Protein backbone atom coordinates (compact mmCIF):
# COMPACT_ATOMS: atom_id res chain seq x y z
CA UNK A 1 -17.91 28.74 -6.37
CA UNK A 2 -15.38 29.47 -9.11
CA UNK A 3 -12.83 27.29 -7.30
CA UNK A 4 -15.35 24.46 -7.08
CA UNK A 5 -16.01 24.70 -10.82
CA UNK A 6 -12.28 24.59 -11.51
CA UNK A 7 -11.91 21.48 -9.36
CA UNK A 8 -14.77 19.71 -11.12
CA UNK A 9 -13.07 20.65 -14.35
CA UNK A 10 -10.08 18.76 -13.03
CA UNK A 11 -9.91 15.98 -15.60
CA UNK A 12 -8.02 16.21 -18.82
CA UNK A 13 -4.82 17.19 -20.30
CA UNK A 14 -1.90 18.28 -22.24
CA UNK A 15 1.31 20.14 -21.84
CA UNK A 16 -0.17 22.63 -24.26
CA UNK A 17 -3.92 22.21 -24.47
CA UNK A 18 -4.16 24.91 -27.08
CA UNK A 19 -1.72 23.10 -29.34
CA UNK A 20 -3.56 19.82 -28.94
CA UNK A 21 -6.98 21.30 -29.68
CA UNK A 22 -5.75 23.15 -32.74
CA UNK A 23 -4.00 20.15 -34.27
CA UNK A 24 -6.65 17.49 -33.74
CA UNK A 25 -8.04 15.95 -36.90
CA UNK A 26 -11.86 16.17 -37.01
CA UNK A 27 -13.57 12.78 -36.74
CA UNK A 28 -15.78 12.19 -39.76
CA UNK A 29 -17.61 8.95 -39.06
CA UNK A 30 -15.95 6.49 -36.71
CA UNK A 31 -12.67 6.63 -34.86
CA UNK A 32 -9.65 4.95 -36.49
CA UNK A 33 -8.80 1.40 -35.54
CA UNK A 34 -5.99 2.50 -33.25
CA UNK A 35 -8.43 4.56 -31.18
CA UNK A 36 -10.68 1.51 -30.86
CA UNK A 37 -7.69 -0.55 -29.72
CA UNK A 38 -6.84 2.06 -27.10
CA UNK A 39 -10.46 2.09 -25.91
CA UNK A 40 -10.42 -1.69 -25.51
CA UNK A 41 -7.11 -1.54 -23.61
CA UNK A 42 -8.33 1.22 -21.32
CA UNK A 43 -11.67 -0.54 -20.70
CA UNK A 44 -9.83 -3.69 -19.65
CA UNK A 45 -8.22 -1.80 -16.75
CA UNK A 46 -10.90 -2.13 -14.10
CA UNK A 47 -8.98 -0.38 -11.33
CA UNK A 48 -5.88 1.75 -10.87
CA UNK A 49 -4.21 4.11 -8.44
CA UNK A 50 -1.36 6.58 -8.59
CA UNK A 51 -0.17 10.13 -8.13
CA UNK A 52 -1.40 13.18 -10.00
CA UNK A 53 -0.38 16.76 -10.67
CA UNK A 54 -3.14 19.17 -11.63
CA UNK A 55 -2.66 22.49 -13.38
CA UNK A 56 -5.54 24.95 -13.38
CA UNK A 57 -6.58 27.71 -15.78
CA UNK A 58 -4.23 30.19 -14.09
CA UNK A 59 -1.33 27.71 -14.06
CA UNK A 60 -1.86 26.99 -10.36
CA UNK A 61 -0.61 23.53 -9.45
CA UNK A 62 -1.87 20.98 -6.94
CA UNK A 63 -1.05 17.31 -6.44
CA UNK A 64 -2.24 14.23 -4.62
CA UNK A 65 -3.31 10.60 -4.91
CA UNK A 66 -6.09 9.03 -6.94
CA UNK A 67 -8.02 5.76 -7.12
CA UNK A 68 -10.16 4.65 -10.06
CA UNK A 69 -12.53 1.70 -10.26
CA UNK A 70 -14.94 0.85 -13.05
CA UNK A 71 -17.72 1.48 -13.55
CA UNK A 72 -18.07 5.08 -12.44
CA UNK A 73 -15.87 5.28 -9.36
CA UNK A 74 -13.06 7.72 -8.72
CA UNK A 75 -11.38 9.48 -5.83
CA UNK A 76 -8.91 12.37 -5.85
CA UNK A 77 -7.35 13.39 -2.53
CA UNK A 78 -5.49 16.67 -2.75
CA UNK A 79 -2.29 17.00 -0.74
CA UNK A 80 -1.51 19.78 1.72
CA UNK A 81 -3.83 21.68 3.99
CA UNK A 82 -6.70 22.16 1.55
CA UNK A 83 -8.73 19.21 2.87
CA UNK A 84 -10.25 18.75 -0.58
CA UNK A 85 -11.43 15.43 -1.99
CA UNK A 86 -13.31 14.63 -5.17
CA UNK A 87 -15.33 11.42 -5.13
CA UNK A 88 -17.45 9.68 -7.77
CA UNK A 89 -19.48 6.70 -6.56
CA UNK A 90 -20.99 5.60 -9.88
CA UNK A 91 -24.03 7.87 -9.58
CA UNK A 92 -22.78 11.23 -8.38
CA UNK A 93 -19.66 13.35 -8.11
CA UNK A 94 -19.03 15.29 -4.92
CA UNK A 95 -16.32 17.79 -3.99
CA UNK A 96 -15.66 17.99 -0.26
CA UNK A 97 -13.72 20.84 1.30
CA UNK A 98 -13.21 19.84 4.92
CA UNK A 99 -11.40 23.06 5.73
CA UNK A 100 -14.25 25.27 4.52
CA UNK A 101 -16.91 22.70 5.44
CA UNK A 102 -18.48 22.79 1.98
CA UNK A 103 -19.81 20.02 -0.23
CA UNK A 104 -21.02 20.23 -3.82
CA UNK A 105 -22.86 17.37 -5.52
CA UNK A 106 -23.25 16.77 -9.27
CA UNK A 107 -24.80 14.01 -11.37
CA UNK A 108 -22.01 11.90 -12.87
CA UNK A 109 -24.02 11.51 -16.08
CA UNK A 110 -23.82 15.27 -16.62
CA UNK A 111 -20.02 15.48 -16.47
CA UNK A 112 -17.48 14.43 -19.14
CA UNK A 113 -15.89 12.32 -16.41
CA UNK A 114 -18.48 9.67 -17.26
CA UNK A 115 -16.83 9.08 -20.65
CA UNK A 116 -13.67 7.65 -19.06
CA UNK A 117 -15.34 5.87 -16.15
CA UNK A 118 -17.81 3.75 -18.11
CA UNK A 119 -17.33 0.01 -17.85
CA UNK A 120 -16.78 -0.14 -21.60
CA UNK A 121 -15.07 3.00 -22.91
CA UNK A 122 -15.84 3.92 -26.52
CA UNK A 123 -13.71 6.22 -28.66
CA UNK A 124 -16.01 6.17 -31.66
CA UNK A 125 -19.12 7.78 -33.05
CA UNK A 126 -20.33 11.34 -32.71
CA UNK A 127 -18.67 11.90 -29.34
CA UNK A 128 -15.24 11.77 -30.95
CA UNK A 129 -14.46 15.33 -32.05
CA UNK A 130 -10.84 14.84 -33.07
CA UNK A 131 -7.87 12.47 -33.01
CA UNK A 132 -4.18 13.19 -33.41
CA UNK A 133 -1.18 10.87 -33.51
CA UNK A 134 2.07 12.74 -32.87
CA UNK A 135 4.22 9.62 -33.16
CA UNK A 136 4.61 9.12 -29.42
CA UNK A 137 1.06 9.78 -28.22
CA UNK A 138 -2.52 9.45 -29.39
CA UNK A 139 -4.68 12.41 -28.39
CA UNK A 140 -8.46 12.01 -28.47
CA UNK A 141 -11.00 14.79 -27.93
CA UNK A 142 -14.49 13.81 -26.75
CA UNK A 143 -17.66 15.84 -26.29
CA UNK A 144 -21.42 15.38 -26.06
CA UNK A 145 -23.29 18.68 -26.10
CA UNK A 146 -26.63 17.08 -25.26
CA UNK A 147 -25.21 15.71 -22.01
CA UNK A 148 -22.33 18.00 -21.04
CA UNK A 149 -23.09 21.29 -22.79
CA UNK A 150 -19.99 23.01 -24.13
CA UNK A 151 -17.59 21.09 -21.88
CA UNK A 152 -15.21 18.66 -23.54
CA UNK A 153 -12.49 16.24 -22.55
CA UNK A 154 -9.18 15.41 -24.20
CA UNK A 155 -7.39 12.22 -23.21
CA UNK A 156 -3.78 11.40 -24.06
CA UNK A 157 -2.41 7.86 -24.33
CA UNK A 158 1.11 6.56 -24.87
CA UNK A 159 1.16 5.14 -28.40
CA UNK A 160 3.45 2.22 -27.57
CA UNK A 161 2.00 1.01 -24.25
CA UNK A 162 -1.53 2.42 -24.84
CA UNK A 163 -1.51 3.60 -21.23
CA UNK A 164 -3.29 6.76 -20.12
CA UNK A 165 -0.80 9.55 -19.44
CA UNK A 166 -2.80 12.69 -18.89
CA UNK A 167 -6.10 14.39 -19.61
CA UNK A 168 -7.63 17.85 -19.82
CA UNK A 169 -11.08 19.29 -19.39
CA UNK A 170 -12.33 22.44 -21.03
CA UNK A 171 -15.36 23.73 -19.14
CA UNK A 172 -18.29 25.72 -20.53
CA UNK A 173 -16.40 28.98 -20.00
CA UNK A 174 -13.41 27.75 -21.97
CA UNK A 175 -11.19 27.28 -18.92
CA UNK A 176 -8.80 24.35 -19.11
CA UNK A 177 -7.65 22.14 -16.27
CA UNK A 178 -4.94 19.54 -16.90
CA UNK A 179 -3.94 16.44 -14.99
CA UNK A 180 -0.84 14.29 -15.42
CA UNK A 181 -0.68 10.91 -13.69
CA UNK A 182 2.37 8.91 -12.60
CA UNK A 183 3.37 5.88 -10.50
CA UNK A 184 0.26 4.14 -11.76
CA UNK A 185 -0.61 0.68 -10.49
CA UNK A 186 -3.32 -1.40 -12.14
CA UNK A 187 -5.58 -3.99 -10.58
CA UNK A 188 -5.38 -2.42 -7.13
CA UNK A 189 -7.98 -2.82 -4.41
CA UNK A 190 -9.05 0.48 -2.90
CA UNK A 191 -9.56 0.64 0.89
CA UNK A 192 -13.16 0.21 2.09
CA UNK A 193 -15.15 3.43 1.88
CA UNK A 194 -12.87 5.01 -0.73
CA UNK A 195 -15.77 5.78 -3.09
CA UNK A 196 -18.48 6.37 -0.49
CA UNK A 197 -20.38 9.66 -0.67
CA UNK A 198 -22.03 10.86 2.53
CA UNK A 199 -25.27 12.20 1.07
CA UNK A 200 -26.62 13.18 4.48
CA UNK A 201 -23.52 15.28 5.17
CA UNK A 202 -23.86 16.90 1.76
CA UNK A 203 -27.44 17.93 2.53
CA UNK A 204 -26.38 19.22 5.94
CA UNK A 205 -23.51 21.28 4.52
CA UNK A 206 -25.74 22.87 1.89
CA UNK A 207 -28.59 23.48 4.32
CA UNK A 208 -26.22 25.41 6.59
CA UNK A 209 -24.84 27.34 3.61
CA UNK A 210 -28.25 28.71 2.62
């Protein structure tokens, strides 16, 4: 179960998450104009694909391929023999482990993942907990305690291109998982079935597990 939680925590970033969190400037009212510009740029990207490298709370590393499609759709396929996939279909998020024959289902609306998968991303208002501009990157911390509890997400964008570079998620236990993306292509068409969740299989897996 701990591994499943770490995988769901998969989203969100920084080479040094501690440094980012400690140096973020608290948001007082609304996000600065540059954050709004980044939000508009990111919202305009309706689909993308690429490679990712994930680093977990114990510095364990995994990699694979991802597809993203707005609104609400995402797929992470982990390389190697793990047989793990994470899929969001706009309503739910599921983590499949084919090797262990397990499946865990979560409401997308209850995960910080929703904040970056909305059709129109907003980096303003009470959900913005801090912003930092280090000259090369803009780092934005987002949280919504009423929806996600103590979990929060930090997203990092290239200041010049405004492109998403990496992200990190801090879960309710304070564990941080970071993801860096590369070889990103925008406007891609994902293969049919990429974001399909087999709800019947999920029920079957969990019925057997009880």
